Amino acid sequence: MQALFRPLALACALSACSGPRATADDCGAIFDRIVELELHEMGYRDPVLAERRRVELRRALAPELQRCVGRRLAPTARACVREARTAEDLTHRCLR
C-alpha cells in the first residue's frame, strides 16, 4: 500500500511546465491510472476488489487529489498517462 502513496505524491507535484492547468477530471484520471497500474503490479486481478481498493484510496487521499487541481501539465501528459505501462513510467515520464 505504501507504494501507492509515493506515485500519488509525485503526480500531485506536477511540474511547472507551460502546459494547461490540471482539472479535477485530469487529477482523477491520473490518480485512477496510477492506482490501476499499482494494483496490477501488486497482483490485484479481481476487478471487484481492485475497484473497492481504488474507491478506498480515493477517499483516503482526497486532500492530495485536491492539491493537484490547477497545477500545470505538460502538453503531452494526458496521452502519456493513458499509455503508461507502469506507475513508475507514468510518474517519471508523463508528469515531469
Protein backbone atom coordinates (compact mmCIF):
# COMPACT_ATOMS: atom_id res chain seq x y z
CA MET A 1 0.00 0.00 0.00
CA GLN A 2 2.88 2.39 0.70
CA ALA A 3 3.83 2.05 -2.95
CA LEU A 4 0.60 3.84 -3.86
CA PHE A 5 1.43 6.92 -1.82
CA ARG A 6 4.77 7.69 -3.46
CA PRO A 7 3.49 7.86 -7.06
CA LEU A 8 0.49 9.88 -5.99
CA ALA A 9 2.74 12.38 -4.23
CA LEU A 10 4.76 12.69 -7.41
CA ALA A 11 1.64 13.02 -9.52
CA CYS A 12 0.36 15.80 -7.31
CA ALA A 13 3.66 17.61 -7.64
CA LEU A 14 3.16 18.13 -11.35
CA SER A 15 5.92 20.10 -12.95
CA ALA A 16 5.64 23.80 -13.60
CA CYS A 17 5.79 23.47 -17.37
CA SER A 18 3.89 25.74 -19.70
CA GLY A 19 1.02 23.40 -20.49
CA PRO A 20 -2.62 23.60 -19.46
CA ARG A 21 -3.70 23.56 -15.83
CA ALA A 22 -4.94 20.24 -14.44
CA THR A 23 -8.67 20.00 -13.88
CA ALA A 24 -10.32 17.84 -11.22
CA ASP A 25 -11.04 15.33 -14.02
CA ASP A 26 -7.36 15.33 -15.07
CA CYS A 27 -6.24 14.71 -11.50
CA GLY A 28 -8.82 11.98 -11.05
CA ALA A 29 -7.71 10.28 -14.27
CA ILE A 30 -4.06 10.46 -13.22
CA PHE A 31 -4.91 9.05 -9.80
CA ASP A 32 -7.08 6.28 -11.23
CA ARG A 33 -4.39 5.26 -13.72
CA ILE A 34 -1.70 5.18 -11.02
CA VAL A 35 -3.93 3.06 -8.79
CA GLU A 36 -4.81 0.76 -11.69
CA LEU A 37 -1.16 0.23 -12.58
CA GLU A 38 -0.03 -0.16 -8.96
CA LEU A 39 -2.78 -2.66 -8.14
CA HIS A 40 -1.95 -4.65 -11.24
CA GLU A 41 1.73 -4.68 -10.26
CA MET A 42 0.74 -5.82 -6.74
CA GLY A 43 -1.25 -8.73 -8.14
CA TYR A 44 -4.84 -7.49 -7.80
CA ARG A 45 -6.59 -9.38 -10.59
CA ASP A 46 -10.15 -9.36 -9.25
CA PRO A 47 -11.86 -6.27 -10.77
CA VAL A 48 -14.33 -6.00 -7.88
CA LEU A 49 -11.59 -5.97 -5.24
CA ALA A 50 -9.49 -3.57 -7.32
CA GLU A 51 -12.42 -1.15 -7.66
CA ARG A 52 -13.12 -1.35 -3.93
CA ARG A 53 -9.46 -0.55 -3.20
CA ARG A 54 -9.48 2.36 -5.69
CA VAL A 55 -12.56 3.86 -4.01
CA GLU A 56 -10.97 3.48 -0.55
CA LEU A 57 -7.75 5.13 -1.71
CA ARG A 58 -9.56 7.95 -3.48
CA ARG A 59 -11.45 8.72 -0.28
CA ALA A 60 -8.33 8.49 1.90
CA LEU A 61 -6.23 10.62 -0.46
CA ALA A 62 -8.86 13.22 -1.35
CA PRO A 63 -6.80 16.14 0.07
CA GLU A 64 -3.81 15.19 -2.11
CA LEU A 65 -6.07 14.95 -5.15
CA GLN A 66 -7.44 18.41 -4.42
CA ARG A 67 -3.90 19.86 -4.32
CA CYS A 68 -3.31 18.53 -7.83
CA VAL A 69 -6.06 20.72 -9.34
CA GLY A 70 -4.66 23.81 -11.03
CA ARG A 71 -1.10 22.54 -11.42
CA ARG A 72 0.47 22.72 -14.86
CA LEU A 73 0.50 19.66 -17.10
CA ALA A 74 2.92 19.00 -19.91
CA PRO A 75 1.12 19.34 -23.25
CA THR A 76 1.51 15.57 -23.83
CA ALA A 77 0.68 14.49 -20.26
CA ARG A 78 -2.89 13.31 -20.84
CA ALA A 79 -1.95 10.95 -23.67
CA CYS A 80 1.14 9.80 -21.81
CA VAL A 81 -0.91 8.91 -18.71
CA ARG A 82 -3.28 6.80 -20.80
CA GLU A 83 -0.41 4.97 -22.50
CA ALA A 84 1.83 4.39 -19.45
CA ARG A 85 2.51 0.74 -18.71
CA THR A 86 3.82 1.15 -15.14
CA ALA A 87 3.18 3.62 -12.32
CA GLU A 88 6.86 4.49 -12.33
CA ASP A 89 6.76 5.23 -16.06
CA LEU A 90 3.70 7.42 -15.53
CA THR A 91 5.19 9.46 -12.71
CA HIS A 92 8.71 9.76 -14.13
CA ARG A 93 7.92 10.31 -17.80
CA CYS A 94 4.42 11.75 -18.01
CA LEU A 95 4.42 14.17 -15.09
CA ARG A 96 7.88 15.69 -15.32
